């Protein structure tokens, strides 16, 4: 998967905006102002940090060499995914979907309603 496809997929999700809140090299994807993906643009390899259920994170890290604890983030809740390894594009998009869904599940009722009403 390349950076253009990765960014385009994230932005295709309802209510998602891109932002650079920390520096010019760390692209974030947010839904309703909450980050669900970090994409460091200054890395040699294309990687994405995604939120993950803690139990699933452990299993994924054991199964896939391309998935590990995310650098500078709470490794219990965030995985770093190598998008240039042997993971399929389908697997990467499923991990993005999971991260997006986790963030949405933590939104307040009013935020969820506002998201539902977005076009």
PDB file of N, CA and C in Angstrom:
ATOM      1  N   UNK A   1       0.854  -1.178   0.000  1.00  0.00           N
ATOM      2  CA  UNK A   1       0.000   0.000   0.000  1.00  0.00           C
ATOM      3  C   UNK A   1       0.898   1.238   0.000  1.00  0.00           C
ATOM      4  N   UNK A   2       0.496   2.249  -0.744  1.00  0.00           N
ATOM      5  CA  UNK A   2       1.293   3.478  -0.766  1.00  0.00           C
ATOM      6  C   UNK A   2       0.596   4.567   0.045  1.00  0.00           C
ATOM      7  N   UNK A   3       1.306   5.653   0.252  1.00  0.00           N
ATOM      8  CA  UNK A   3       0.824   6.735   1.121  1.00  0.00           C
ATOM      9  C   UNK A   3      -0.467   7.359   0.583  1.00  0.00           C
ATOM     10  N   UNK A   4      -0.567   7.523  -0.738  1.00  0.00           N
ATOM     11  CA  UNK A   4      -1.761   8.145  -1.305  1.00  0.00           C
ATOM     12  C   UNK A   4      -3.006   7.301  -1.035  1.00  0.00           C
ATOM     13  N   UNK A   5      -2.897   6.000  -1.237  1.00  0.00           N
ATOM     14  CA  UNK A   5      -4.028   5.094  -1.006  1.00  0.00           C
ATOM     15  C   UNK A   5      -4.385   5.073   0.477  1.00  0.00           C
ATOM     16  N   UNK A   6      -3.365   5.037   1.323  1.00  0.00           N
ATOM     17  CA  UNK A   6      -3.576   5.010   2.771  1.00  0.00           C
ATOM     18  C   UNK A   6      -4.336   6.255   3.242  1.00  0.00           C
ATOM     19  N   UNK A   7      -3.869   7.408   2.841  1.00  0.00           N
ATOM     20  CA  UNK A   7      -4.507   8.671   3.237  1.00  0.00           C
ATOM     21  C   UNK A   7      -5.913   8.761   2.652  1.00  0.00           C
ATOM     22  N   UNK A   8      -6.054   8.409   1.379  1.00  0.00           N
ATOM     23  CA  UNK A   8      -7.359   8.463   0.726  1.00  0.00           C
ATOM     24  C   UNK A   8      -8.368   7.550   1.436  1.00  0.00           C
ATOM     25  N   UNK A   9      -7.924   6.359   1.842  1.00  0.00           N
ATOM     26  CA  UNK A   9      -8.827   5.439   2.534  1.00  0.00           C
ATOM     27  C   UNK A   9      -9.289   6.039   3.868  1.00  0.00           C
ATOM     28  N   UNK A  10      -8.351   6.573   4.617  1.00  0.00           N
ATOM     29  CA  UNK A  10      -8.710   7.180   5.905  1.00  0.00           C
ATOM     30  C   UNK A  10      -9.695   8.331   5.706  1.00  0.00           C
ATOM     31  N   UNK A  11      -9.420   9.182   4.728  1.00  0.00           N
ATOM     32  CA  UNK A  11     -10.273  10.348   4.492  1.00  0.00           C
ATOM     33  C   UNK A  11     -11.639   9.981   3.927  1.00  0.00           C
ATOM     34  N   UNK A  12     -11.782   8.765   3.393  1.00  0.00           N
ATOM     35  CA  UNK A  12     -13.072   8.336   2.849  1.00  0.00           C
ATOM     36  C   UNK A  12     -14.073   7.982   3.944  1.00  0.00           C
ATOM     37  N   UNK A  13     -13.593   7.836   5.161  1.00  0.00           N
ATOM     38  CA  UNK A  13     -14.459   7.470   6.277  1.00  0.00           C
ATOM     39  C   UNK A  13     -15.223   8.712   6.753  1.00  0.00           C
ATOM     40  N   UNK A  14     -16.414   8.493   7.201  1.00  0.00           N
ATOM     41  CA  UNK A  14     -17.313   9.583   7.579  1.00  0.00           C
ATOM     42  C   UNK A  14     -16.727  10.432   8.716  1.00  0.00           C
ATOM     43  N   UNK A  15     -16.737  11.750   8.497  1.00  0.00           N
ATOM     44  CA  UNK A  15     -16.328  12.692   9.534  1.00  0.00           C
ATOM     45  C   UNK A  15     -14.833  12.829   9.742  1.00  0.00           C
ATOM     46  N   UNK A  16     -14.013  12.271   8.852  1.00  0.00           N
ATOM     47  CA  UNK A  16     -12.561  12.286   9.057  1.00  0.00           C
ATOM     48  C   UNK A  16     -11.930  13.536   8.452  1.00  0.00           C
ATOM     49  N   UNK A  17     -11.000  14.094   9.213  1.00  0.00           N
ATOM     50  CA  UNK A  17     -10.198  15.242   8.784  1.00  0.00           C
ATOM     51  C   UNK A  17      -8.733  14.918   9.039  1.00  0.00           C
ATOM     52  N   UNK A  18      -7.874  15.460   8.201  1.00  0.00           N
ATOM     53  CA  UNK A  18      -6.440  15.295   8.439  1.00  0.00           C
ATOM     54  C   UNK A  18      -5.905  16.540   9.135  1.00  0.00           C
ATOM     55  N   UNK A  19      -4.817  16.361   9.890  1.00  0.00           N
ATOM     56  CA  UNK A  19      -4.285  17.463  10.676  1.00  0.00           C
ATOM     57  C   UNK A  19      -2.810  17.195  10.968  1.00  0.00           C
ATOM     58  N   UNK A  20      -2.088  18.248  11.267  1.00  0.00           N
ATOM     59  CA  UNK A  20      -0.691  18.177  11.703  1.00  0.00           C
ATOM     60  C   UNK A  20      -0.585  18.896  13.052  1.00  0.00           C
ATOM     61  N   UNK A  21      -1.144  18.337  14.124  1.00  0.00           N
ATOM     62  CA  UNK A  21      -1.179  19.059  15.400  1.00  0.00           C
ATOM     63  C   UNK A  21       0.153  19.107  16.147  1.00  0.00           C
ATOM     64  N   UNK A  22       1.085  18.223  15.803  1.00  0.00           N
ATOM     65  CA  UNK A  22       2.325  18.129  16.569  1.00  0.00           C
ATOM     66  C   UNK A  22       3.523  18.738  15.848  1.00  0.00           C
ATOM     67  N   UNK A  23       3.640  18.435  14.581  1.00  0.00           N
ATOM     68  CA  UNK A  23       4.754  18.930  13.767  1.00  0.00           C
ATOM     69  C   UNK A  23       4.391  18.716  12.297  1.00  0.00           C
ATOM     70  N   UNK A  24       5.299  19.100  11.412  1.00  0.00           N
ATOM     71  CA  UNK A  24       5.028  18.997   9.975  1.00  0.00           C
ATOM     72  C   UNK A  24       5.257  17.598   9.417  1.00  0.00           C
ATOM     73  N   UNK A  25       5.768  16.680  10.229  1.00  0.00           N
ATOM     74  CA  UNK A  25       6.073  15.332   9.762  1.00  0.00           C
ATOM     75  C   UNK A  25       5.080  14.274  10.254  1.00  0.00           C
ATOM     76  N   UNK A  26       4.181  14.637  11.148  1.00  0.00           N
ATOM     77  CA  UNK A  26       3.258  13.646  11.706  1.00  0.00           C
ATOM     78  C   UNK A  26       1.823  13.996  11.316  1.00  0.00           C
ATOM     79  N   UNK A  27       1.352  13.308  10.286  1.00  0.00           N
ATOM     80  CA  UNK A  27      -0.013  13.473   9.819  1.00  0.00           C
ATOM     81  C   UNK A  27      -0.937  12.664  10.729  1.00  0.00           C
ATOM     82  N   UNK A  28      -2.007  13.279  11.184  1.00  0.00           N
ATOM     83  CA  UNK A  28      -2.983  12.557  11.996  1.00  0.00           C
ATOM     84  C   UNK A  28      -4.317  12.530  11.260  1.00  0.00           C
ATOM     85  N   UNK A  29      -5.057  11.470  11.507  1.00  0.00           N
ATOM     86  CA  UNK A  29      -6.415  11.341  10.995  1.00  0.00           C
ATOM     87  C   UNK A  29      -7.340  11.374  12.201  1.00  0.00           C
ATOM     88  N   UNK A  30      -8.325  12.271  12.137  1.00  0.00           N
ATOM     89  CA  UNK A  30      -9.222  12.470  13.270  1.00  0.00           C
ATOM     90  C   UNK A  30     -10.671  12.295  12.824  1.00  0.00           C
ATOM     91  N   UNK A  31     -11.460  11.717  13.729  1.00  0.00           N
ATOM     92  CA  UNK A  31     -12.900  11.683  13.553  1.00  0.00           C
ATOM     93  C   UNK A  31     -13.491  12.416  14.753  1.00  0.00           C
ATOM     94  N   UNK A  32     -14.283  13.428  14.484  1.00  0.00           N
ATOM     95  CA  UNK A  32     -14.876  14.265  15.531  1.00  0.00           C
ATOM     96  C   UNK A  32     -13.795  14.797  16.480  1.00  0.00           C
ATOM     97  N   UNK A  33     -12.652  15.147  15.914  1.00  0.00           N
ATOM     98  CA  UNK A  33     -11.569  15.733  16.690  1.00  0.00           C
ATOM     99  C   UNK A  33     -10.716  14.740  17.464  1.00  0.00           C
ATOM    100  N   UNK A  34     -11.001  13.448  17.352  1.00  0.00           N
ATOM    101  CA  UNK A  34     -10.253  12.411  18.082  1.00  0.00           C
ATOM    102  C   UNK A  34      -9.374  11.642  17.101  1.00  0.00           C
ATOM    103  N   UNK A  35      -8.121  11.472  17.441  1.00  0.00           N
ATOM    104  CA  UNK A  35      -7.163  10.804  16.557  1.00  0.00           C
ATOM    105  C   UNK A  35      -7.393   9.293  16.545  1.00  0.00           C
ATOM    106  N   UNK A  36      -7.448   8.734  15.322  1.00  0.00           N
ATOM    107  CA  UNK A  36      -7.491   7.284  15.178  1.00  0.00           C
ATOM    108  C   UNK A  36      -6.303   6.748  14.387  1.00  0.00           C
ATOM    109  N   UNK A  37      -5.510   7.645  13.795  1.00  0.00           N
ATOM    110  CA  UNK A  37      -4.336   7.202  13.038  1.00  0.00           C
ATOM    111  C   UNK A  37      -3.255   8.276  13.047  1.00  0.00           C
ATOM    112  N   UNK A  38      -2.022   7.822  13.207  1.00  0.00           N
ATOM    113  CA  UNK A  38      -0.833   8.668  13.085  1.00  0.00           C
ATOM    114  C   UNK A  38      -0.037   8.130  11.909  1.00  0.00           C
ATOM    115  N   UNK A  39       0.362   9.025  11.000  1.00  0.00           N
ATOM    116  CA  UNK A  39       1.186   8.616   9.863  1.00  0.00           C
ATOM    117  C   UNK A  39       2.436   9.491   9.847  1.00  0.00           C
ATOM    118  N   UNK A  40       3.571   8.952  10.322  1.00  0.00           N
ATOM    119  CA  UNK A  40       4.806   9.733  10.291  1.00  0.00           C
ATOM    120  C   UNK A  40       5.331   9.809   8.857  1.00  0.00           C
ATOM    121  N   UNK A  41       5.480  11.011   8.341  1.00  0.00           N
ATOM    122  CA  UNK A  41       5.896  11.202   6.957  1.00  0.00           C
ATOM    123  C   UNK A  41       7.413  11.210   6.792  1.00  0.00           C
ATOM    124  N   UNK A  42       8.151  11.216   7.902  1.00  0.00           N
ATOM    125  CA  UNK A  42       9.603  11.283   7.830  1.00  0.00           C
ATOM    126  C   UNK A  42      10.276   9.920   8.044  1.00  0.00           C
ATOM    127  N   UNK A  43       9.518   8.846   8.055  1.00  0.00           N
ATOM    128  CA  UNK A  43      10.077   7.506   8.230  1.00  0.00           C
ATOM    129  C   UNK A  43      10.538   6.951   6.886  1.00  0.00           C
ATOM    130  N   UNK A  44      11.535   6.066   6.928  1.00  0.00           N
ATOM    131  CA  UNK A  44      11.999   5.422   5.698  1.00  0.00           C
ATOM    132  C   UNK A  44      10.925   4.524   5.111  1.00  0.00           C
ATOM    133  N   UNK A  45      10.238   3.791   5.988  1.00  0.00           N
ATOM    134  CA  UNK A  45       9.152   2.909   5.560  1.00  0.00           C
ATOM    135  C   UNK A  45       7.822   3.575   5.856  1.00  0.00           C
ATOM    136  N   UNK A  46       6.812   3.189   5.085  1.00  0.00           N
ATOM    137  CA  UNK A  46       5.463   3.681   5.344  1.00  0.00           C
ATOM    138  C   UNK A  46       4.875   2.883   6.498  1.00  0.00           C
ATOM    139  N   UNK A  47       4.624   3.571   7.594  1.00  0.00           N
ATOM    140  CA  UNK A  47       4.005   2.954   8.762  1.00  0.00           C
ATOM    141  C   UNK A  47       2.813   3.816   9.184  1.00  0.00           C
ATOM    142  N   UNK A  48       1.899   3.176   9.898  1.00  0.00           N
ATOM    143  CA  UNK A  48       0.751   3.887  10.442  1.00  0.00           C
ATOM    144  C   UNK A  48       0.524   3.367  11.852  1.00  0.00           C
ATOM    145  N   UNK A  49       0.271   4.271  12.777  1.00  0.00           N
ATOM    146  CA  UNK A  49      -0.056   3.883  14.148  1.00  0.00           C
ATOM    147  C   UNK A  49      -1.571   3.935  14.280  1.00  0.00           C
ATOM    148  N   UNK A  50      -2.137   2.825  14.757  1.00  0.00           N
ATOM    149  CA  UNK A  50      -3.585   2.695  14.849  1.00  0.00           C
ATOM    150  C   UNK A  50      -4.007   2.230  16.231  1.00  0.00           C
ATOM    151  N   UNK A  51      -5.107   2.756  16.702  1.00  0.00           N
ATOM    152  CA  UNK A  51      -5.681   2.330  17.975  1.00  0.00           C
ATOM    153  C   UNK A  51      -6.147   0.880  17.815  1.00  0.00           C
ATOM    154  N   UNK A  52      -6.046   0.112  18.894  1.00  0.00           N
ATOM    155  CA  UNK A  52      -6.437  -1.295  18.822  1.00  0.00           C
ATOM    156  C   UNK A  52      -6.907  -1.776  20.191  1.00  0.00           C
ATOM    157  N   UNK A  53      -7.900  -2.645  20.185  1.00  0.00           N
ATOM    158  CA  UNK A  53      -8.331  -3.291  21.422  1.00  0.00           C
ATOM    159  C   UNK A  53      -7.110  -3.983  22.035  1.00  0.00           C
ATOM    160  N   UNK A  54      -6.845  -3.794  23.330  1.00  0.00           N
ATOM    161  CA  UNK A  54      -5.630  -4.346  23.944  1.00  0.00           C
ATOM    162  C   UNK A  54      -5.451  -5.854  23.766  1.00  0.00           C
ATOM    163  N   UNK A  55      -6.518  -6.622  23.903  1.00  0.00           N
ATOM    164  CA  UNK A  55      -6.394  -8.076  23.727  1.00  0.00           C
ATOM    165  C   UNK A  55      -6.071  -8.433  22.280  1.00  0.00           C
ATOM    166  N   UNK A  56      -6.721  -7.759  21.356  1.00  0.00           N
ATOM    167  CA  UNK A  56      -6.449  -8.010  19.939  1.00  0.00           C
ATOM    168  C   UNK A  56      -5.037  -7.561  19.571  1.00  0.00           C
ATOM    169  N   UNK A  57      -4.575  -6.475  20.180  1.00  0.00           N
ATOM    170  CA  UNK A  57      -3.230  -5.974  19.892  1.00  0.00           C
ATOM    171  C   UNK A  57      -2.174  -7.038  20.195  1.00  0.00           C
ATOM    172  N   UNK A  58      -2.318  -7.713  21.323  1.00  0.00           N
ATOM    173  CA  UNK A  58      -1.364  -8.762  21.712  1.00  0.00           C
ATOM    174  C   UNK A  58      -1.355  -9.875  20.673  1.00  0.00           C
ATOM    175  N   UNK A  59      -2.528 -10.313  20.271  1.00  0.00           N
ATOM    176  CA  UNK A  59      -2.647 -11.405  19.290  1.00  0.00           C
ATOM    177  C   UNK A  59      -2.027 -10.992  17.955  1.00  0.00           C
ATOM    178  N   UNK A  60      -2.348  -9.790  17.496  1.00  0.00           N
ATOM    179  CA  UNK A  60      -1.812  -9.316  16.218  1.00  0.00           C
ATOM    180  C   UNK A  60      -0.290  -9.238  16.238  1.00  0.00           C
ATOM    181  N   UNK A  61       0.272  -8.769  17.328  1.00  0.00           N
ATOM    182  CA  UNK A  61       1.733  -8.643  17.433  1.00  0.00           C
ATOM    183  C   UNK A  61       2.407 -10.010  17.423  1.00  0.00           C
ATOM    184  N   UNK A  62       1.725 -11.012  17.986  1.00  0.00           N
ATOM    185  CA  UNK A  62       2.276 -12.365  17.973  1.00  0.00           C
ATOM    186  C   UNK A  62       2.173 -13.000  16.593  1.00  0.00           C
ATOM    187  N   UNK A  63       1.129 -12.670  15.838  1.00  0.00           N
ATOM    188  CA  UNK A  63       0.885 -13.282  14.534  1.00  0.00           C
ATOM    189  C   UNK A  63       1.654 -12.627  13.388  1.00  0.00           C
ATOM    190  N   UNK A  64       1.868 -11.314  13.474  1.00  0.00           N
ATOM    191  CA  UNK A  64       2.422 -10.585  12.335  1.00  0.00           C
ATOM    192  C   UNK A  64       3.676  -9.814  12.721  1.00  0.00           C
ATOM    193  N   UNK A  65       4.727 -10.072  12.011  1.00  0.00           N
ATOM    194  CA  UNK A  65       6.001  -9.380  12.227  1.00  0.00           C
ATOM    195  C   UNK A  65       5.880  -7.882  11.960  1.00  0.00           C
ATOM    196  N   UNK A  66       4.949  -7.504  11.072  1.00  0.00           N
ATOM    197  CA  UNK A  66       4.784  -6.096  10.671  1.00  0.00           C
ATOM    198  C   UNK A  66       4.008  -5.265  11.688  1.00  0.00           C
ATOM    199  N   UNK A  67       3.515  -5.889  12.742  1.00  0.00           N
ATOM    200  CA  UNK A  67       2.718  -5.175  13.741  1.00  0.00           C
ATOM    201  C   UNK A  67       3.427  -5.211  15.087  1.00  0.00           C
ATOM    202  N   UNK A  68       3.616  -4.040  15.659  1.00  0.00           N
ATOM    203  CA  UNK A  68       4.269  -3.937  16.968  1.00  0.00           C
ATOM    204  C   UNK A  68       3.661  -2.783  17.754  1.00  0.00           C
ATOM    205  N   UNK A  69       4.159  -2.584  18.957  1.00  0.00           N
ATOM    206  CA  UNK A  69       3.711  -1.458  19.768  1.00  0.00           C
ATOM    207  C   UNK A  69       4.107  -0.151  19.114  1.00  0.00           C
ATOM    208  N   UNK A  70       3.229   0.828  19.150  1.00  0.00           N
ATOM    209  CA  UNK A  70       3.477   2.108  18.491  1.00  0.00           C
ATOM    210  C   UNK A  70       4.451   2.959  19.293  1.00  0.00           C
ATOM    211  N   UNK A  71       5.430   3.476  18.607  1.00  0.00           N
ATOM    212  CA  UNK A  71       6.459   4.333  19.179  1.00  0.00           C
ATOM    213  C   UNK A  71       5.825   5.621  19.705  1.00  0.00           C
ATOM    214  N   UNK A  72       6.207   6.042  20.899  1.00  0.00           N
ATOM    215  CA  UNK A  72       5.738   7.282  21.543  1.00  0.00           C
ATOM    216  C   UNK A  72       4.256   7.267  21.922  1.00  0.00           C
ATOM    217  N   UNK A  73       3.600   6.119  21.847  1.00  0.00           N
ATOM    218  CA  UNK A  73       2.187   6.033  22.219  1.00  0.00           C
ATOM    219  C   UNK A  73       2.021   4.912  23.233  1.00  0.00           C
ATOM    220  N   UNK A  74       0.880   4.861  23.885  1.00  0.00           N
ATOM    221  CA  UNK A  74       0.597   3.804  24.834  1.00  0.00           C
ATOM    222  C   UNK A  74       0.503   2.480  24.080  1.00  0.00           C
ATOM    223  N   UNK A  75       1.504   1.637  24.253  1.00  0.00           N
ATOM    224  CA  UNK A  75       1.594   0.397  23.493  1.00  0.00           C
ATOM    225  C   UNK A  75       0.480  -0.593  23.818  1.00  0.00           C
ATOM    226  N   UNK A  76      -0.208  -0.379  24.911  1.00  0.00           N
ATOM    227  CA  UNK A  76      -1.346  -1.236  25.241  1.00  0.00           C
ATOM    228  C   UNK A  76      -2.497  -0.990  24.261  1.00  0.00           C
ATOM    229  N   UNK A  77      -2.638   0.259  23.802  1.00  0.00           N
ATOM    230  CA  UNK A  77      -3.778   0.647  22.979  1.00  0.00           C
ATOM    231  C   UNK A  77      -3.434   1.017  21.534  1.00  0.00           C
ATOM    232  N   UNK A  78      -2.153   1.103  21.207  1.00  0.00           N
ATOM    233  CA  UNK A  78      -1.761   1.557  19.875  1.00  0.00           C
ATOM    234  C   UNK A  78      -0.753   0.596  19.248  1.00  0.00           C
ATOM    235  N   UNK A  79      -1.008   0.229  17.993  1.00  0.00           N
ATOM    236  CA  UNK A  79      -0.089  -0.603  17.218  1.00  0.00           C
ATOM    237  C   UNK A  79       0.551   0.220  16.121  1.00  0.00           C
ATOM    238  N   UNK A  80       1.785  -0.126  15.798  1.00  0.00           N
ATOM    239  CA  UNK A  80       2.444   0.407  14.626  1.00  0.00           C
ATOM    240  C   UNK A  80       2.376  -0.671  13.551  1.00  0.00           C
ATOM    241  N   UNK A  81       1.918  -0.289  12.362  1.00  0.00           N
ATOM    242  CA  UNK A  81       1.723  -1.243  11.276  1.00  0.00           C
ATOM    243  C   UNK A  81       2.624  -0.861  10.105  1.00  0.00           C
ATOM    244  N   UNK A  82       3.487  -1.787   9.703  1.00  0.00           N
ATOM    245  CA  UNK A  82       4.357  -1.602   8.543  1.00  0.00           C
ATOM    246  C   UNK A  82       3.523  -1.860   7.294  1.00  0.00           C
ATOM    247  N   UNK A  83       3.296  -0.825   6.511  1.00  0.00           N
ATOM    248  CA  UNK A  83       2.447  -0.941   5.325  1.00  0.00           C
ATOM    249  C   UNK A  83       3.214  -1.410   4.093  1.00  0.00           C
ATOM    250  N   UNK A  84       4.514  -1.624   4.237  1.00  0.00           N
ATOM    251  CA  UNK A  84       5.326  -2.074   3.113  1.00  0.00           C
ATOM    252  C   UNK A  84       5.765  -3.525   3.265  1.00  0.00           C
ATOM    253  N   UNK A  85       5.314  -4.181   4.319  1.00  0.00           N
ATOM    254  CA  UNK A  85       5.671  -5.572   4.551  1.00  0.00           C
ATOM    255  C   UNK A  85       4.728  -6.501   3.798  1.00  0.00           C
ATOM    256  N   UNK A  86       4.510  -7.671   4.363  1.00  0.00           N
ATOM    257  CA  UNK A  86       3.699  -8.679   3.676  1.00  0.00           C
ATOM    258  C   UNK A  86       2.210  -8.606   4.027  1.00  0.00           C
ATOM    259  N   UNK A  87       1.803  -7.641   4.865  1.00  0.00           N
ATOM    260  CA  UNK A  87       0.380  -7.503   5.167  1.00  0.00           C
ATOM    261  C   UNK A  87      -0.378  -7.086   3.911  1.00  0.00           C
ATOM    262  N   UNK A  88      -1.529  -7.690   3.705  1.00  0.00           N
ATOM    263  CA  UNK A  88      -2.346  -7.336   2.543  1.00  0.00           C
ATOM    264  C   UNK A  88      -2.996  -5.968   2.759  1.00  0.00           C
ATOM    265  N   UNK A  89      -3.350  -5.330   1.661  1.00  0.00           N
ATOM    266  CA  UNK A  89      -4.071  -4.061   1.749  1.00  0.00           C
ATOM    267  C   UNK A  89      -5.380  -4.264   2.509  1.00  0.00           C
ATOM    268  N   UNK A  90      -6.009  -5.415   2.313  1.00  0.00           N
ATOM    269  CA  UNK A  90      -7.266  -5.717   3.003  1.00  0.00           C
ATOM    270  C   UNK A  90      -7.048  -5.743   4.518  1.00  0.00           C
ATOM    271  N   UNK A  91      -5.959  -6.355   4.962  1.00  0.00           N
ATOM    272  CA  UNK A  91      -5.663  -6.422   6.397  1.00  0.00           C
ATOM    273  C   UNK A  91      -5.410  -5.024   6.949  1.00  0.00           C
ATOM    274  N   UNK A  92      -4.671  -4.215   6.214  1.00  0.00           N
ATOM    275  CA  UNK A  92      -4.374  -2.848   6.664  1.00  0.00           C
ATOM    276  C   UNK A  92      -5.661  -2.034   6.765  1.00  0.00           C
ATOM    277  N   UNK A  93      -6.546  -2.151   5.774  1.00  0.00           N
ATOM    278  CA  UNK A  93      -7.797  -1.398   5.834  1.00  0.00           C
ATOM    279  C   UNK A  93      -8.687  -1.909   6.974  1.00  0.00           C
ATOM    280  N   UNK A  94      -8.648  -3.203   7.255  1.00  0.00           N
ATOM    281  CA  UNK A  94      -9.414  -3.737   8.395  1.00  0.00           C
ATOM    282  C   UNK A  94      -8.896  -3.161   9.717  1.00  0.00           C
ATOM    283  N   UNK A  95      -7.577  -2.997   9.828  1.00  0.00           N
ATOM    284  CA  UNK A  95      -6.995  -2.418  11.045  1.00  0.00           C
ATOM    285  C   UNK A  95      -7.376  -0.940  11.169  1.00  0.00           C
ATOM    286  N   UNK A  96      -7.426  -0.235  10.050  1.00  0.00           N
ATOM    287  CA  UNK A  96      -7.871   1.163  10.053  1.00  0.00           C
ATOM    288  C   UNK A  96      -9.333   1.226  10.490  1.00  0.00           C
ATOM    289  N   UNK A  97     -10.159   0.338   9.932  1.00  0.00           N
ATOM    290  CA  UNK A  97     -11.581   0.298  10.299  1.00  0.00           C
ATOM    291  C   UNK A  97     -11.760   0.045  11.797  1.00  0.00           C
ATOM    292  N   UNK A  98     -10.963  -0.869  12.332  1.00  0.00           N
ATOM    293  CA  UNK A  98     -11.038  -1.204  13.760  1.00  0.00           C
ATOM    294  C   UNK A  98     -10.683   0.023  14.616  1.00  0.00           C
ATOM    295  N   UNK A  99      -9.624   0.719  14.249  1.00  0.00           N
ATOM    296  CA  UNK A  99      -9.202   1.912  14.983  1.00  0.00           C
ATOM    297  C   UNK A  99     -10.292   2.984  14.935  1.00  0.00           C
ATOM    298  N   UNK A 100     -10.813   3.222  13.764  1.00  0.00           N
ATOM    299  CA  UNK A 100     -11.890   4.210  13.565  1.00  0.00           C
ATOM    300  C   UNK A 100     -13.096   3.847  14.436  1.00  0.00           C
ATOM    301  N   UNK A 101     -13.497   2.575  14.413  1.00  0.00           N
ATOM    302  CA  UNK A 101     -14.654   2.121  15.192  1.00  0.00           C
ATOM    303  C   UNK A 101     -14.420   2.270  16.699  1.00  0.00           C
ATOM    304  N   UNK A 102     -13.199   1.986  17.156  1.00  0.00           N
ATOM    305  CA  UNK A 102     -12.892   2.152  18.579  1.00  0.00           C
ATOM    306  C   UNK A 102     -13.036   3.604  19.014  1.00  0.00           C
ATOM    307  N   UNK A 103     -12.550   4.503  18.196  1.00  0.00           N
ATOM    308  CA  UNK A 103     -12.647   5.926  18.540  1.00  0.00           C
ATOM    309  C   UNK A 103     -14.111   6.363  18.548  1.00  0.00           C
ATOM    310  N   UNK A 104     -14.869   5.932  17.561  1.00  0.00           N
ATOM    311  CA  UNK A 104     -16.294   6.285  17.522  1.00  0.00           C
ATOM    312  C   UNK A 104     -17.027   5.739  18.745  1.00  0.00           C
ATOM    313  N   UNK A 105     -16.679   4.533  19.166  1.00  0.00           N
ATOM    314  CA  UNK A 105     -17.363   3.939  20.322  1.00  0.00           C
ATOM    315  C   UNK A 105     -17.133   4.745  21.598  1.00  0.00           C
ATOM    316  N   UNK A 106     -16.051   5.508  21.645  1.00  0.00           N
ATOM    317  CA  UNK A 106     -15.747   6.321  22.818  1.00  0.00           C
ATOM    318  C   UNK A 106     -16.293   7.745  22.767  1.00  0.00           C
ATOM    319  N   UNK A 107     -16.954   8.091  21.668  1.00  0.00           N
ATOM    320  CA  UNK A 107     -17.507   9.434  21.542  1.00  0.00           C
ATOM    321  C   UNK A 107     -18.731   9.603  22.441  1.00  0.00           C
ATOM    322  N   UNK A 108     -18.989  10.843  22.795  1.00  0.00           N
ATOM    323  CA  UNK A 108     -20.197  11.163  23.551  1.00  0.00           C
ATOM    324  C   UNK A 108     -21.413  10.995  22.645  1.00  0.00           C
ATOM    325  N   UNK A 109     -22.560  10.811  23.263  1.00  0.00           N
ATOM    326  CA  UNK A 109     -23.798  10.588  22.521  1.00  0.00           C
ATOM    327  C   UNK A 109     -24.053  11.701  21.498  1.00  0.00           C
ATOM    328  N   UNK A 110     -23.847  12.933  21.902  1.00  0.00           N
ATOM    329  CA  UNK A 110     -24.082  14.071  21.003  1.00  0.00           C
ATOM    330  C   UNK A 110     -23.110  14.051  19.820  1.00  0.00           C
ATOM    331  N   UNK A 111     -21.858  13.645  20.068  1.00  0.00           N
ATOM    332  CA  UNK A 111     -20.868  13.556  18.991  1.00  0.00           C
ATOM    333  C   UNK A 111     -21.239  12.453  18.009  1.00  0.00           C
ATOM    334  N   UNK A 112     -21.704  11.318  18.535  1.00  0.00           N
ATOM    335  CA  UNK A 112     -22.139  10.214  17.669  1.00  0.00           C
ATOM    336  C   UNK A 112     -23.309  10.654  16.801  1.00  0.00           C
ATOM    337  N   UNK A 113     -24.225  11.385  17.394  1.00  0.00           N
ATOM    338  CA  UNK A 113     -25.387  11.877  16.648  1.00  0.00           C
ATOM    339  C   UNK A 113     -24.950  12.858  15.562  1.00  0.00           C
ATOM    340  N   UNK A 114     -24.035  13.756  15.885  1.00  0.00           N
ATOM    341  CA  UNK A 114     -23.532  14.713  14.901  1.00  0.00           C
ATOM    342  C   UNK A 114     -22.831  13.984  13.750  1.00  0.00           C
ATOM    343  N   UNK A 115     -22.082  12.934  14.072  1.00  0.00           N
ATOM    344  CA  UNK A 115     -21.403  12.142  13.052  1.00  0.00           C
ATOM    345  C   UNK A 115     -22.423  11.454  12.139  1.00  0.00           C
ATOM    346  N   UNK A 116     -23.449  10.889  12.731  1.00  0.00           N
ATOM    347  CA  UNK A 116     -24.502  10.216  11.946  1.00  0.00           C
ATOM    348  C   UNK A 116     -25.168  11.196  10.973  1.00  0.00           C
ATOM    349  N   UNK A 117     -25.276  12.461  11.377  1.00  0.00           N
ATOM    350  CA  UNK A 117     -25.962  13.468  10.544  1.00  0.00           C
ATOM    351  C   UNK A 117     -25.059  14.103   9.489  1.00  0.00           C
ATOM    352  N   UNK A 118     -23.783  13.754   9.473  1.00  0.00           N
ATOM    353  CA  UNK A 118     -22.862  14.300   8.461  1.00  0.00           C
ATOM    354  C   UNK A 118     -23.115  13.640   7.115  1.00  0.00           C
ATOM    355  N   UNK A 119     -22.868  14.403   6.079  1.00  0.00           N
ATOM    356  CA  UNK A 119     -23.021  13.843   4.725  1.00  0.00           C
ATOM    357  C   UNK A 119     -21.702  13.405   4.181  1.00  0.00           C
TER     358      UNK A 119
END
